[in-house]
Amino acid sequence: MSASDPPAEADQRRPRRAVAFLREVVILLTVALVIAMGIKTFVAQAFYIPSGSMQPQLEVGDRIVVSKLSYRLHEPRRGDVVVFDSPHPQPPDRSNLLARAVRSVGEAIGVAAPSTDEFVKRVIGLPGETVEGRGGTIYVNGRELVEPYLPEAGPNGDFAPVIVPDNAVFVMGDNRSNSADSRVFGPIETSTIVGRAVVRVWPVPTMAFL
């Protein structure tokens, strides 16, 4: 007589094993989702560049990693590339919970294009400083700002002096002729900054710290 289970008993165990396997898969996926969401919320997030406002340093379709810990350690610094909430009112998200979760995970790992709820710009002026565009040059507190990251002979556009309020920064895109930034919507509150862009991870040949 075979030492294996009788056919009837083996048939009964198969459904139980399948249920146990599915339960394990659900648990693993849930844990993975919680980890991904926790990392995105508190540590870092991959971000897809949707426009050319930061050219030439960031091209459309590039992926960057944004640190959400940087500004818990220090205040924003001039020259930082930051991601921040859109200064324009956004309609409420009416999609269901599952759709939001799937989209959020896709955005967290950089495989899904983000919504227009967030912008990517460079910090130009800090709290209490006066920023002005004059003669195609940016001045901060009356001194010319040296900007080696800009395209050669790129236009800046003149604008009247702006005093940056406390707890705010003045931001601009590197592609000055194709960027809606603080020249349009004014300084942004530091509380709206999601994090600092620290590295470009895609395309791989252009991987570099920012």
N, C-alpha and C. Protein backbone atom coordinates (compact mmCIF):
# COMPACT_ATOMS: atom_id res chain seq x y z
N MET A 1 0.85 -1.20 0.00
CA MET A 1 0.00 0.00 0.00
C MET A 1 0.88 1.24 0.00
N SER A 2 0.54 2.28 -0.79
CA SER A 2 1.37 3.47 -0.90
C SER A 2 1.32 4.28 0.38
N ALA A 3 2.47 4.92 0.69
CA ALA A 3 2.54 5.75 1.90
C ALA A 3 1.92 7.12 1.68
N SER A 4 1.59 7.43 0.44
CA SER A 4 1.00 8.74 0.15
C SER A 4 -0.41 8.83 0.67
N ASP A 5 -0.93 10.06 0.76
CA ASP A 5 -2.29 10.26 1.26
C ASP A 5 -3.29 9.59 0.34
N PRO A 6 -4.39 9.12 0.89
CA PRO A 6 -5.48 8.59 0.04
C PRO A 6 -5.96 9.67 -0.90
N PRO A 7 -6.43 9.30 -2.09
CA PRO A 7 -6.87 10.30 -3.08
C PRO A 7 -7.89 11.28 -2.54
N ALA A 8 -8.87 10.79 -1.77
CA ALA A 8 -9.92 11.68 -1.27
C ALA A 8 -9.34 12.73 -0.33
N GLU A 9 -8.43 12.29 0.55
CA GLU A 9 -7.84 13.23 1.50
C GLU A 9 -6.93 14.24 0.79
N ALA A 10 -6.19 13.77 -0.23
CA ALA A 10 -5.32 14.67 -0.99
C ALA A 10 -6.16 15.72 -1.72
N ASP A 11 -7.31 15.28 -2.27
CA ASP A 11 -8.19 16.22 -2.97
C ASP A 11 -8.72 17.30 -2.03
N GLN A 12 -8.93 16.91 -0.76
CA GLN A 12 -9.44 17.88 0.21
C GLN A 12 -8.37 18.90 0.59
N ARG A 13 -7.10 18.47 0.56
CA ARG A 13 -6.02 19.36 0.98
C ARG A 13 -5.66 20.39 -0.09
N ARG A 14 -5.90 20.05 -1.35
CA ARG A 14 -5.51 20.98 -2.42
C ARG A 14 -6.20 22.33 -2.28
N PRO A 15 -7.53 22.40 -2.09
CA PRO A 15 -8.17 23.72 -1.94
C PRO A 15 -7.63 24.49 -0.73
N ARG A 16 -7.33 23.76 0.37
CA ARG A 16 -6.82 24.45 1.55
C ARG A 16 -5.44 25.06 1.28
N ARG A 17 -4.62 24.32 0.52
CA ARG A 17 -3.29 24.84 0.18
C ARG A 17 -3.41 26.05 -0.75
N ALA A 18 -4.36 25.99 -1.68
CA ALA A 18 -4.55 27.11 -2.59
C ALA A 18 -5.00 28.36 -1.83
N VAL A 19 -5.90 28.15 -0.87
CA VAL A 19 -6.37 29.28 -0.07
C VAL A 19 -5.24 29.86 0.76
N ALA A 20 -4.42 28.97 1.34
CA ALA A 20 -3.29 29.43 2.14
C ALA A 20 -2.29 30.20 1.28
N PHE A 21 -2.06 29.71 0.05
CA PHE A 21 -1.14 30.40 -0.86
C PHE A 21 -1.66 31.79 -1.22
N LEU A 22 -2.95 31.87 -1.56
CA LEU A 22 -3.55 33.17 -1.89
C LEU A 22 -3.50 34.11 -0.70
N ARG A 23 -3.70 33.57 0.50
CA ARG A 23 -3.64 34.41 1.70
C ARG A 23 -2.24 34.98 1.86
N GLU A 24 -1.21 34.14 1.63
CA GLU A 24 0.17 34.61 1.74
C GLU A 24 0.47 35.69 0.71
N VAL A 25 -0.03 35.50 -0.52
CA VAL A 25 0.19 36.50 -1.57
C VAL A 25 -0.44 37.83 -1.19
N VAL A 26 -1.66 37.79 -0.69
CA VAL A 26 -2.36 39.01 -0.28
C VAL A 26 -1.59 39.72 0.84
N ILE A 27 -1.11 38.94 1.82
CA ILE A 27 -0.36 39.52 2.93
C ILE A 27 0.92 40.17 2.43
N LEU A 28 1.65 39.45 1.54
CA LEU A 28 2.91 39.98 1.01
C LEU A 28 2.67 41.27 0.22
N LEU A 29 1.62 41.28 -0.62
CA LEU A 29 1.31 42.48 -1.40
C LEU A 29 0.91 43.63 -0.49
N THR A 30 0.18 43.34 0.56
CA THR A 30 -0.23 44.38 1.50
C THR A 30 0.98 44.97 2.22
N VAL A 31 1.89 44.08 2.66
CA VAL A 31 3.11 44.56 3.33
C VAL A 31 3.94 45.41 2.37
N ALA A 32 4.06 44.93 1.11
CA ALA A 32 4.83 45.69 0.12
C ALA A 32 4.20 47.06 -0.12
N LEU A 33 2.88 47.11 -0.17
CA LEU A 33 2.18 48.38 -0.37
C LEU A 33 2.41 49.32 0.80
N VAL A 34 2.31 48.78 2.02
CA VAL A 34 2.52 49.61 3.21
C VAL A 34 3.94 50.15 3.24
N ILE A 35 4.92 49.30 2.90
CA ILE A 35 6.32 49.75 2.88
C ILE A 35 6.52 50.83 1.84
N ALA A 36 5.97 50.59 0.62
CA ALA A 36 6.12 51.58 -0.45
C ALA A 36 5.49 52.91 -0.06
N MET A 37 4.31 52.85 0.53
CA MET A 37 3.63 54.08 0.94
C MET A 37 4.38 54.77 2.08
N GLY A 38 4.93 53.97 3.01
CA GLY A 38 5.68 54.55 4.11
C GLY A 38 6.94 55.25 3.63
N ILE A 39 7.65 54.60 2.70
CA ILE A 39 8.86 55.21 2.13
C ILE A 39 8.49 56.49 1.39
N LYS A 40 7.42 56.42 0.59
CA LYS A 40 7.02 57.60 -0.17
C LYS A 40 6.61 58.74 0.75
N THR A 41 5.94 58.43 1.83
CA THR A 41 5.43 59.46 2.72
C THR A 41 6.52 60.11 3.57
N PHE A 42 7.46 59.28 4.05
CA PHE A 42 8.40 59.79 5.06
C PHE A 42 9.86 59.87 4.61
N VAL A 43 10.27 59.12 3.59
CA VAL A 43 11.69 59.03 3.28
C VAL A 43 12.04 59.61 1.92
N ALA A 44 11.56 58.98 0.86
CA ALA A 44 11.94 59.40 -0.49
C ALA A 44 10.88 58.97 -1.49
N GLN A 45 10.89 59.63 -2.63
CA GLN A 45 9.94 59.31 -3.69
C GLN A 45 10.60 59.52 -5.04
N ALA A 46 10.39 58.56 -5.93
CA ALA A 46 10.83 58.75 -7.30
C ALA A 46 9.83 59.66 -8.00
N PHE A 47 10.32 60.56 -8.83
CA PHE A 47 9.45 61.56 -9.43
C PHE A 47 9.75 61.67 -10.93
N TYR A 48 8.70 61.70 -11.72
CA TYR A 48 8.79 61.78 -13.17
C TYR A 48 8.72 63.24 -13.61
N ILE A 49 9.66 63.66 -14.46
CA ILE A 49 9.68 65.05 -14.92
C ILE A 49 8.73 65.22 -16.11
N PRO A 50 7.63 65.98 -15.93
CA PRO A 50 6.61 66.06 -16.98
C PRO A 50 6.78 67.20 -17.97
N SER A 51 7.70 68.13 -17.70
CA SER A 51 7.80 69.30 -18.58
C SER A 51 9.27 69.68 -18.77
N GLY A 52 9.49 70.65 -19.65
CA GLY A 52 10.86 71.10 -19.94
C GLY A 52 11.28 72.33 -19.17
N SER A 53 10.61 72.63 -18.05
CA SER A 53 10.92 73.86 -17.33
C SER A 53 12.27 73.84 -16.62
N MET A 54 12.85 72.64 -16.46
CA MET A 54 14.15 72.54 -15.79
C MET A 54 15.26 72.13 -16.75
N GLN A 55 15.02 72.25 -18.04
CA GLN A 55 16.09 71.98 -19.01
C GLN A 55 17.18 73.04 -18.87
N PRO A 56 18.45 72.70 -19.11
CA PRO A 56 18.94 71.43 -19.65
C PRO A 56 19.26 70.38 -18.60
N GLN A 57 19.19 70.71 -17.30
CA GLN A 57 19.60 69.72 -16.31
C GLN A 57 18.62 68.56 -16.23
N LEU A 58 17.33 68.84 -16.34
CA LEU A 58 16.32 67.79 -16.30
C LEU A 58 15.48 67.84 -17.56
N GLU A 59 15.44 66.73 -18.27
CA GLU A 59 14.68 66.63 -19.51
C GLU A 59 13.33 65.98 -19.25
N VAL A 60 12.40 66.19 -20.18
CA VAL A 60 11.09 65.55 -20.07
C VAL A 60 11.27 64.03 -20.05
N GLY A 61 10.64 63.37 -19.08
CA GLY A 61 10.75 61.92 -18.97
C GLY A 61 11.83 61.44 -18.01
N ASP A 62 12.70 62.33 -17.55
CA ASP A 62 13.69 61.94 -16.55
C ASP A 62 13.01 61.50 -15.26
N ARG A 63 13.68 60.63 -14.52
CA ARG A 63 13.21 60.25 -13.18
C ARG A 63 14.22 60.73 -12.15
N ILE A 64 13.73 61.35 -11.11
CA ILE A 64 14.60 61.82 -10.03
C ILE A 64 14.12 61.23 -8.72
N VAL A 65 15.03 61.16 -7.76
CA VAL A 65 14.66 60.74 -6.41
C VAL A 65 14.64 61.97 -5.52
N VAL A 66 13.53 62.15 -4.83
CA VAL A 66 13.33 63.32 -3.97
C VAL A 66 13.42 62.89 -2.51
N SER A 67 14.35 63.50 -1.79
CA SER A 67 14.51 63.21 -0.36
C SER A 67 13.50 64.02 0.45
N LYS A 68 12.76 63.32 1.31
CA LYS A 68 11.81 64.01 2.18
C LYS A 68 12.38 64.24 3.58
N LEU A 69 13.64 63.85 3.75
CA LEU A 69 14.29 64.03 5.06
C LEU A 69 15.16 65.28 5.10
N SER A 70 15.59 65.76 3.93
CA SER A 70 16.57 66.86 3.88
C SER A 70 16.15 68.05 4.72
N TYR A 71 14.90 68.51 4.55
CA TYR A 71 14.50 69.75 5.21
C TYR A 71 13.98 69.53 6.62
N ARG A 72 14.12 68.28 7.10
CA ARG A 72 13.95 68.05 8.53
C ARG A 72 15.27 68.29 9.25
N LEU A 73 16.35 68.31 8.46
CA LEU A 73 17.68 68.51 9.02
C LEU A 73 18.17 69.94 8.86
N HIS A 74 17.74 70.61 7.79
CA HIS A 74 18.16 71.99 7.55
C HIS A 74 17.13 72.70 6.68
N GLU A 75 17.22 74.02 6.61
CA GLU A 75 16.31 74.81 5.80
C GLU A 75 16.71 74.72 4.32
N PRO A 76 15.79 75.02 3.40
CA PRO A 76 16.16 75.04 1.98
C PRO A 76 17.32 75.98 1.71
N ARG A 77 18.17 75.60 0.77
CA ARG A 77 19.35 76.39 0.43
C ARG A 77 19.26 76.85 -1.02
N ARG A 78 19.90 77.99 -1.28
CA ARG A 78 19.91 78.51 -2.65
C ARG A 78 20.56 77.48 -3.59
N GLY A 79 19.91 77.26 -4.71
CA GLY A 79 20.43 76.30 -5.68
C GLY A 79 19.81 74.93 -5.57
N ASP A 80 19.12 74.64 -4.45
CA ASP A 80 18.45 73.35 -4.32
C ASP A 80 17.36 73.21 -5.39
N VAL A 81 17.24 72.01 -5.96
CA VAL A 81 16.11 71.69 -6.83
C VAL A 81 15.05 71.04 -5.94
N VAL A 82 13.87 71.65 -5.89
CA VAL A 82 12.85 71.19 -4.96
C VAL A 82 11.56 70.81 -5.69
N VAL A 83 10.83 69.90 -5.07
CA VAL A 83 9.49 69.54 -5.52
C VAL A 83 8.52 70.12 -4.49
N PHE A 84 7.48 70.79 -4.97
CA PHE A 84 6.54 71.42 -4.05
C PHE A 84 5.13 71.32 -4.60
N ASP A 85 4.16 71.47 -3.69
CA ASP A 85 2.75 71.40 -4.09
C ASP A 85 2.42 72.56 -5.01
N SER A 86 1.57 72.29 -5.98
CA SER A 86 1.17 73.32 -6.92
C SER A 86 0.55 74.50 -6.18
N PRO A 87 0.94 75.73 -6.55
CA PRO A 87 0.33 76.91 -5.92
C PRO A 87 -1.07 77.19 -6.45
N HIS A 88 -1.48 76.46 -7.47
CA HIS A 88 -2.81 76.66 -8.06
C HIS A 88 -3.81 75.70 -7.41
N PRO A 89 -5.03 76.14 -7.15
CA PRO A 89 -6.04 75.25 -6.57
C PRO A 89 -6.26 74.02 -7.44
N GLN A 90 -6.35 72.85 -6.81
CA GLN A 90 -6.55 71.60 -7.53
C GLN A 90 -7.92 71.02 -7.21
N PRO A 91 -8.60 70.43 -8.21
CA PRO A 91 -9.90 69.79 -7.94
C PRO A 91 -9.71 68.58 -7.05
N PRO A 92 -10.71 68.23 -6.24
CA PRO A 92 -10.58 67.06 -5.36
C PRO A 92 -10.45 65.77 -6.16
N ASP A 93 -9.68 64.83 -5.63
CA ASP A 93 -9.51 63.52 -6.26
C ASP A 93 -10.72 62.66 -5.95
N ARG A 94 -11.52 62.35 -6.96
CA ARG A 94 -12.75 61.58 -6.75
C ARG A 94 -12.61 60.12 -7.15
N SER A 95 -11.39 59.68 -7.47
CA SER A 95 -11.19 58.28 -7.82
C SER A 95 -11.32 57.41 -6.57
N ASN A 96 -11.59 56.10 -6.78
CA ASN A 96 -11.78 55.22 -5.63
C ASN A 96 -10.45 54.92 -4.93
N LEU A 97 -10.54 54.33 -3.76
CA LEU A 97 -9.37 54.09 -2.91
C LEU A 97 -8.35 53.20 -3.60
N LEU A 98 -8.80 52.15 -4.28
CA LEU A 98 -7.87 51.23 -4.96
C LEU A 98 -7.11 51.94 -6.07
N ALA A 99 -7.82 52.74 -6.86
CA ALA A 99 -7.18 53.47 -7.96
C ALA A 99 -6.15 54.45 -7.42
N ARG A 100 -6.46 55.13 -6.32
CA ARG A 100 -5.51 56.06 -5.72
C ARG A 100 -4.28 55.34 -5.19
N ALA A 101 -4.50 54.16 -4.59
CA ALA A 101 -3.38 53.39 -4.04
C ALA A 101 -2.45 52.92 -5.16
N VAL A 102 -3.04 52.40 -6.24
CA VAL A 102 -2.23 51.91 -7.36
C VAL A 102 -1.45 53.06 -7.98
N ARG A 103 -2.11 54.20 -8.19
CA ARG A 103 -1.42 55.36 -8.77
C ARG A 103 -0.31 55.86 -7.85
N SER A 104 -0.59 55.86 -6.55
CA SER A 104 0.40 56.35 -5.59
C SER A 104 1.65 55.48 -5.59
N VAL A 105 1.47 54.16 -5.66
CA VAL A 105 2.62 53.26 -5.71
C VAL A 105 3.39 53.47 -7.01
N GLY A 106 2.68 53.62 -8.13
CA GLY A 106 3.34 53.87 -9.41
C GLY A 106 4.15 55.14 -9.38
N GLU A 107 3.61 56.19 -8.78
CA GLU A 107 4.35 57.45 -8.66
C GLU A 107 5.54 57.29 -7.72
N ALA A 108 5.36 56.49 -6.65
CA ALA A 108 6.41 56.32 -5.66
C ALA A 108 7.66 55.69 -6.25
N ILE A 109 7.47 54.77 -7.23
CA ILE A 109 8.63 54.11 -7.83
C ILE A 109 8.99 54.72 -9.17
N GLY A 110 8.27 55.77 -9.57
CA GLY A 110 8.66 56.52 -10.76
C GLY A 110 8.22 55.92 -12.08
N VAL A 111 7.27 54.98 -12.06
CA VAL A 111 6.83 54.39 -13.33
C VAL A 111 5.55 55.04 -13.85
N ALA A 112 4.92 55.84 -13.04
CA ALA A 112 3.71 56.54 -13.45
C ALA A 112 3.97 58.04 -13.43
N ALA A 113 3.46 58.73 -14.45
CA ALA A 113 3.60 60.18 -14.47
C ALA A 113 2.77 60.78 -13.34
N PRO A 114 3.30 61.77 -12.62
CA PRO A 114 2.56 62.37 -11.53
C PRO A 114 1.45 63.27 -12.04
N SER A 115 0.56 63.61 -11.15
CA SER A 115 -0.46 64.59 -11.49
C SER A 115 0.19 65.97 -11.54
N THR A 116 -0.63 66.97 -11.85
CA THR A 116 -0.10 68.34 -11.90
C THR A 116 -0.15 68.99 -10.52
N ASP A 117 -0.25 68.16 -9.46
CA ASP A 117 -0.33 68.70 -8.11
C ASP A 117 1.01 69.17 -7.58
N GLU A 118 2.13 68.86 -8.29
CA GLU A 118 3.45 69.18 -7.79
C GLU A 118 4.31 69.78 -8.90
N PHE A 119 5.18 70.74 -8.52
CA PHE A 119 6.10 71.39 -9.45
C PHE A 119 7.54 71.07 -9.06
N VAL A 120 8.45 71.22 -10.03
CA VAL A 120 9.89 71.06 -9.79
C VAL A 120 10.57 72.34 -10.22
N LYS A 121 11.25 73.03 -9.29
CA LYS A 121 11.94 74.29 -9.59
C LYS A 121 13.21 74.37 -8.75
N ARG A 122 13.97 75.45 -8.96
CA ARG A 122 15.20 75.67 -8.20
C ARG A 122 15.03 76.86 -7.25
N VAL A 123 15.56 76.71 -6.05
CA VAL A 123 15.49 77.79 -5.05
C VAL A 123 16.47 78.91 -5.46
N ILE A 124 15.94 80.12 -5.59
CA ILE A 124 16.74 81.28 -5.98
C ILE A 124 16.88 82.28 -4.83
N GLY A 125 15.78 82.56 -4.15
CA GLY A 125 15.79 83.54 -3.05
C GLY A 125 15.33 82.93 -1.75
N LEU A 126 15.94 83.34 -0.64
CA LEU A 126 15.64 82.82 0.69
C LEU A 126 14.87 83.86 1.49
N PRO A 127 14.30 83.46 2.63
CA PRO A 127 13.49 84.38 3.43
C PRO A 127 14.23 85.68 3.74
N GLY A 128 13.54 86.80 3.54
CA GLY A 128 14.09 88.12 3.85
C GLY A 128 14.90 88.73 2.72
N GLU A 129 15.20 87.98 1.67
CA GLU A 129 16.00 88.51 0.56
C GLU A 129 15.11 89.20 -0.47
N THR A 130 15.72 90.09 -1.24
CA THR A 130 15.04 90.76 -2.34
C THR A 130 15.57 90.22 -3.65
N VAL A 131 14.66 89.69 -4.47
CA VAL A 131 15.03 89.08 -5.75
C VAL A 131 14.49 89.95 -6.87
N GLU A 132 15.32 90.19 -7.88
CA GLU A 132 14.94 91.07 -8.99
C GLU A 132 15.55 90.56 -10.28
N GLY A 133 14.80 90.69 -11.38
CA GLY A 133 15.32 90.39 -12.71
C GLY A 133 15.52 91.69 -13.46
N ARG A 134 16.77 91.95 -13.83
CA ARG A 134 17.07 93.23 -14.48
C ARG A 134 18.14 93.04 -15.55
N GLY A 135 17.82 93.47 -16.77
CA GLY A 135 18.78 93.37 -17.86
C GLY A 135 19.17 91.94 -18.19
N GLY A 136 18.23 91.01 -18.00
CA GLY A 136 18.52 89.61 -18.29
C GLY A 136 19.32 88.90 -17.23
N THR A 137 19.49 89.53 -16.06
CA THR A 137 20.27 88.96 -14.97
C THR A 137 19.45 88.95 -13.70
N ILE A 138 19.64 87.94 -12.86
CA ILE A 138 18.96 87.86 -11.57
C ILE A 138 19.85 88.49 -10.51
N TYR A 139 19.25 89.36 -9.69
CA TYR A 139 19.97 89.99 -8.59
C TYR A 139 19.29 89.60 -7.27
N VAL A 140 20.11 89.26 -6.29
CA VAL A 140 19.63 88.96 -4.94
C VAL A 140 20.27 89.96 -3.99
N ASN A 141 19.43 90.74 -3.33
CA ASN A 141 19.92 91.83 -2.46
C ASN A 141 20.89 92.75 -3.20
N GLY A 142 20.57 93.00 -4.47
CA GLY A 142 21.37 93.92 -5.26
C GLY A 142 22.62 93.33 -5.87
N ARG A 143 22.93 92.08 -5.59
CA ARG A 143 24.13 91.44 -6.13
C ARG A 143 23.76 90.44 -7.23
N GLU A 144 24.55 90.45 -8.28
CA GLU A 144 24.29 89.52 -9.39
C GLU A 144 24.42 88.08 -8.91
N LEU A 145 23.45 87.26 -9.28
CA LEU A 145 23.46 85.84 -8.92
C LEU A 145 24.17 85.04 -10.01
N VAL A 146 25.22 84.33 -9.64
CA VAL A 146 25.95 83.48 -10.58
C VAL A 146 25.21 82.15 -10.69
N GLU A 147 24.82 81.79 -11.91
CA GLU A 147 24.02 80.59 -12.13
C GLU A 147 24.65 79.69 -13.20
N PRO A 148 25.62 78.88 -12.82
CA PRO A 148 26.31 78.04 -13.81
C PRO A 148 25.45 76.92 -14.40
N TYR A 149 24.31 76.65 -13.78
CA TYR A 149 23.44 75.58 -14.25
C TYR A 149 22.56 76.01 -15.42
N LEU A 150 22.51 77.31 -15.74
CA LEU A 150 21.65 77.80 -16.82
C LEU A 150 22.27 77.54 -18.18
N PRO A 151 21.41 77.43 -19.22
CA PRO A 151 21.94 77.33 -20.59
C PRO A 151 22.72 78.59 -20.94
N GLU A 152 23.70 78.46 -21.79
CA GLU A 152 24.47 79.63 -22.20
C GLU A 152 23.57 80.61 -22.93
N ALA A 153 23.69 81.87 -22.56
CA ALA A 153 22.93 82.96 -23.19
C ALA A 153 21.42 82.77 -23.07
N GLY A 154 20.99 82.01 -22.04
CA GLY A 154 19.56 81.82 -21.86
C GLY A 154 18.90 83.06 -21.29
N PRO A 155 17.71 83.44 -21.77
CA PRO A 155 17.04 84.64 -21.26
C PRO A 155 16.49 84.42 -19.85
N ASN A 156 16.46 85.48 -19.06
CA ASN A 156 15.93 85.41 -17.71
C ASN A 156 14.58 86.10 -17.60
N GLY A 157 14.41 87.19 -18.32
CA GLY A 157 13.18 87.94 -18.19
C GLY A 157 13.24 88.87 -17.00
N ASP A 158 12.95 90.15 -17.23
CA ASP A 158 13.01 91.13 -16.15
C ASP A 158 11.74 91.10 -15.31
N PHE A 159 11.87 91.36 -14.02
CA PHE A 159 10.71 91.47 -13.14
C PHE A 159 11.08 92.38 -11.97
N ALA A 160 10.07 93.00 -11.42
CA ALA A 160 10.26 93.96 -10.34
C ALA A 160 10.78 93.27 -9.08
N PRO A 161 11.45 94.02 -8.20
CA PRO A 161 11.96 93.42 -6.96
C PRO A 161 10.86 92.77 -6.14
N VAL A 162 11.16 91.59 -5.61
CA VAL A 162 10.23 90.85 -4.76
C VAL A 162 10.94 90.54 -3.44
N ILE A 163 10.33 90.92 -2.33
CA ILE A 163 10.88 90.58 -1.02
C ILE A 163 10.29 89.23 -0.60
N VAL A 164 11.17 88.27 -0.34
CA VAL A 164 10.71 86.93 0.04
C VAL A 164 10.26 86.94 1.51
N PRO A 165 9.02 86.55 1.78
CA PRO A 165 8.53 86.56 3.17
C PRO A 165 9.23 85.50 4.03
N ASP A 166 9.01 85.60 5.34
CA ASP A 166 9.49 84.56 6.24
C ASP A 166 8.81 83.24 5.88
N ASN A 167 9.52 82.14 6.11
CA ASN A 167 8.99 80.81 5.85
C ASN A 167 8.55 80.62 4.40
N ALA A 168 9.31 81.23 3.48
CA ALA A 168 9.01 81.10 2.05
C ALA A 168 10.32 81.16 1.26
N VAL A 169 10.26 80.73 0.01
CA VAL A 169 11.42 80.82 -0.89
C VAL A 169 10.93 81.26 -2.26
N PHE A 170 11.83 81.86 -3.03
CA PHE A 170 11.55 82.28 -4.40
C PHE A 170 12.16 81.22 -5.31
N VAL A 171 11.34 80.62 -6.18
CA VAL A 171 11.81 79.52 -7.02
C VAL A 171 11.66 79.87 -8.50
N MET A 172 12.57 79.33 -9.31
CA MET A 172 12.52 79.53 -10.76
C MET A 172 12.94 78.25 -11.46
N GLY A 173 12.41 78.05 -12.67
CA GLY A 173 12.88 76.95 -13.49
C GLY A 173 14.16 77.35 -14.20
N ASP A 174 15.01 76.38 -14.53
CA ASP A 174 16.25 76.69 -15.24
C ASP A 174 15.98 77.14 -16.66
N ASN A 175 14.91 76.62 -17.26
CA ASN A 175 14.52 77.02 -18.61
C ASN A 175 13.63 78.25 -18.49
N ARG A 176 14.25 79.40 -18.30
CA ARG A 176 13.52 80.61 -17.89
C ARG A 176 12.44 81.05 -18.89
N SER A 177 12.63 80.73 -20.17
CA SER A 177 11.64 81.16 -21.16
C SER A 177 10.45 80.21 -21.23
N ASN A 178 10.50 79.10 -20.48
CA ASN A 178 9.42 78.11 -20.53
C ASN A 178 9.15 77.57 -19.13
N SER A 179 8.94 78.50 -18.18
CA SER A 179 8.73 78.07 -16.81
C SER A 179 7.77 79.01 -16.10
N ALA A 180 6.68 78.44 -15.57
CA ALA A 180 5.78 79.19 -14.69
C ALA A 180 6.31 79.00 -13.27
N ASP A 181 6.79 80.07 -12.66
CA ASP A 181 7.45 79.95 -11.37
C ASP A 181 7.11 81.15 -10.49
N SER A 182 7.98 81.50 -9.56
CA SER A 182 7.67 82.60 -8.63
C SER A 182 7.52 83.94 -9.31
N ARG A 183 7.97 84.05 -10.56
CA ARG A 183 7.71 85.27 -11.32
C ARG A 183 6.23 85.40 -11.63
N VAL A 184 5.53 84.26 -11.63
CA VAL A 184 4.09 84.23 -11.94
C VAL A 184 3.26 84.15 -10.67
N PHE A 185 3.58 83.18 -9.79
CA PHE A 185 2.73 82.96 -8.61
C PHE A 185 3.35 83.41 -7.30
N GLY A 186 4.53 84.04 -7.37
CA GLY A 186 5.15 84.59 -6.17
C GLY A 186 5.92 83.54 -5.39
N PRO A 187 6.54 83.94 -4.28
CA PRO A 187 7.27 82.99 -3.44
C PRO A 187 6.35 81.89 -2.92
N ILE A 188 6.92 80.72 -2.67
CA ILE A 188 6.12 79.60 -2.15
C ILE A 188 6.46 79.39 -0.67
N GLU A 189 5.49 78.95 0.09
CA GLU A 189 5.73 78.66 1.50
C GLU A 189 6.56 77.38 1.62
N THR A 190 7.52 77.39 2.55
CA THR A 190 8.37 76.21 2.72
C THR A 190 7.56 74.99 3.18
N SER A 191 6.42 75.24 3.80
CA SER A 191 5.58 74.12 4.24
C SER A 191 5.00 73.32 3.07
N THR A 192 5.01 73.92 1.86
CA THR A 192 4.47 73.22 0.69
C THR A 192 5.54 72.40 -0.04
N ILE A 193 6.80 72.49 0.42
CA ILE A 193 7.87 71.74 -0.24
C ILE A 193 7.80 70.28 0.14
N VAL A 194 7.72 69.41 -0.87
CA VAL A 194 7.66 67.97 -0.65
C VAL A 194 9.04 67.43 -0.28
N GLY A 195 10.08 67.93 -0.95
CA GLY A 195 11.43 67.46 -0.67
C GLY A 195 12.43 68.02 -1.66
N ARG A 196 13.68 67.62 -1.49
CA ARG A 196 14.77 68.09 -2.36
C ARG A 196 15.18 66.99 -3.32
N ALA A 197 15.27 67.33 -4.60
CA ALA A 197 15.74 66.37 -5.60
C ALA A 197 17.22 66.12 -5.38
N VAL A 198 17.61 64.86 -5.20
CA VAL A 198 19.00 64.55 -4.88
C VAL A 198 19.74 63.82 -5.99
N VAL A 199 19.03 63.07 -6.82
CA VAL A 199 19.72 62.30 -7.86
C VAL A 199 18.78 62.01 -9.03
N ARG A 200 19.34 62.08 -10.25
CA ARG A 200 18.60 61.63 -11.43
C ARG A 200 18.95 60.17 -11.65
N VAL A 201 17.94 59.30 -11.69
CA VAL A 201 18.18 57.86 -11.81
C VAL A 201 17.82 57.29 -13.18
N TRP A 202 17.15 58.07 -14.00
CA TRP A 202 16.75 57.60 -15.33
C TRP A 202 16.72 58.76 -16.29
N PRO A 203 17.22 58.59 -17.50
CA PRO A 203 17.84 57.40 -18.10
C PRO A 203 19.17 57.05 -17.41
N VAL A 204 19.50 55.77 -17.39
CA VAL A 204 20.69 55.29 -16.69
C VAL A 204 21.97 55.99 -17.16
N PRO A 205 22.18 56.20 -18.48
CA PRO A 205 23.44 56.84 -18.89
C PRO A 205 23.62 58.26 -18.36
N THR A 206 22.52 58.92 -17.96
CA THR A 206 22.62 60.29 -17.45
C THR A 206 22.49 60.36 -15.94
N MET A 207 22.57 59.21 -15.26
CA MET A 207 22.43 59.19 -13.81
C MET A 207 23.45 60.12 -13.17
N ALA A 208 22.97 60.97 -12.24
CA ALA A 208 23.89 61.93 -11.63
C ALA A 208 23.23 62.56 -10.41
N PHE A 209 24.07 63.02 -9.47
CA PHE A 209 23.55 63.78 -8.34
C PHE A 209 23.19 65.19 -8.81
N LEU A 210 22.18 65.78 -8.15
CA LEU A 210 21.68 67.09 -8.54
C LEU A 210 22.15 68.14 -7.54
